[in-house]
Structures are given as C-alpha cells and as structure tokens.
C-alpha cells in the first residue's frame, strides 16, 4: 500500500527540511511512503531544500494559494499511484506521529476520509484560535451541511476512492471548507481523529486574519453557488 504525503509550501525554507525529515522518520509498517512538496511560487529556497531531502517537488511559477497547491499535489499523488493521500502543513505545526492516526481508519477500510482535529484536544491552543475555528465550523455547517470539529485542519487523509472524487476549485484558505463540502456532496464516509498541534511563534503568524477571513467567506459563497447537488 502506497502512502503519499502532500505538503503545500510557500516560502517555508526555514521549516520545510525539518517537516520532511520528521515525516520520513514516521514508522508505518507495510506502507511505502512518498512525499510531494508543491512549491507554490516561493522566492526562497523551499523547493531546493525539499528536493535535497528526497521529496518530489512540483513548482508553481506563480503563487496560487494553498488551495491551488493542494489541488496540484493531490492530482500528482493520484498519477503516482497513491493508495492513501495525506495533506500536511509546511510550518511544523503537525506532529509526525499523528500521520499514523489519520491513516489508520482508512487503512482499515472504515472510512473514506479522516480529518485531524485540533479541537478534540485543545491544550495549548490560543483562545482566539478556538473561537475562530468554532465560527469556521458553523459556517461550513451552514454552507455545506457537514458537521466536523475542525473544518480548517490542514492534516487530513483520503483514500484513493475519495481523492479521485473531490474537486478543488478554491485557491485560497477556503479550500478547507470546500473539501468538507465535497465530502458531503459525494456522500463519503469520514471521521474526526484527535491530533496534537505544535504552536510556535512562526506557526501562529500563519493563517487567516479578519480581512482574509471575510475574503474566504466570500469565496466559499461563490463556490457554493457554483456547485451542483
């Protein structure tokens, strides 16, 4: 069984090497691993560092956003013959040990998709992030009719069956809710799995501010209007 880890990255030269090494160190018996880094138009050495660590690097000439990078990465993973695809952030906030947690329910054939939930064990999460995540979950429920404890998580896993059906059209942060909508639209079985989040000053500087959040909401509304049942 082949596992492919897709890491979207934009100017993550300070963290991408460690993230890849941690993923490589994860022991998953019976599974072959491949790492695909989508260098989303970085102006630093993100792609060069990732390649030196053994990752397959796909480069966007222009920065398309995390949604565009995820779409490129998932398509590449399918072409490479992945049986299970995991998406992982490049800023170091995910514990590599949690990769096995999100993979296992799919490996055992219980679900099509797993979402790594930071909200099931919120120790160390700033209260502002908790509130923002709760609001995002409510918006995702209202727009797409799917209830999850962490709609904005970057650590997820898809079976090949699920990955071939999910269509990503949103380039920016709205991709997280869009993926949830695709799970609902295609009637895919999913589960939330508790994961640990590692917050550093660097990882806390990432993510959505208020203005970006409003823009994301607008994009989600357009995405919803453009979808067919």
Foldseek 3Di string as FASTA:
>chain_A
DEEEEEEEDAQLVVFQLVVLVQLVPDDDPPYHYAYEYEHQCHPDCNQVSCVVSPHHYHYDVHHQAPLVSVQVRLVVCVVVPHQKYKYDYRNPFFRSNCLCVQCVCVVVVNFFKEAAACQVPVPPPDPVVQVVQVVVQVLLCVLQVAHDRGLQGRTMMGGSVLSVQQDGDDRYSLSSSSSRNSCRVVVTGYYYTYGGTHDDPRVVVDDDDPVRVVVSSVVSVVVSVPDDD
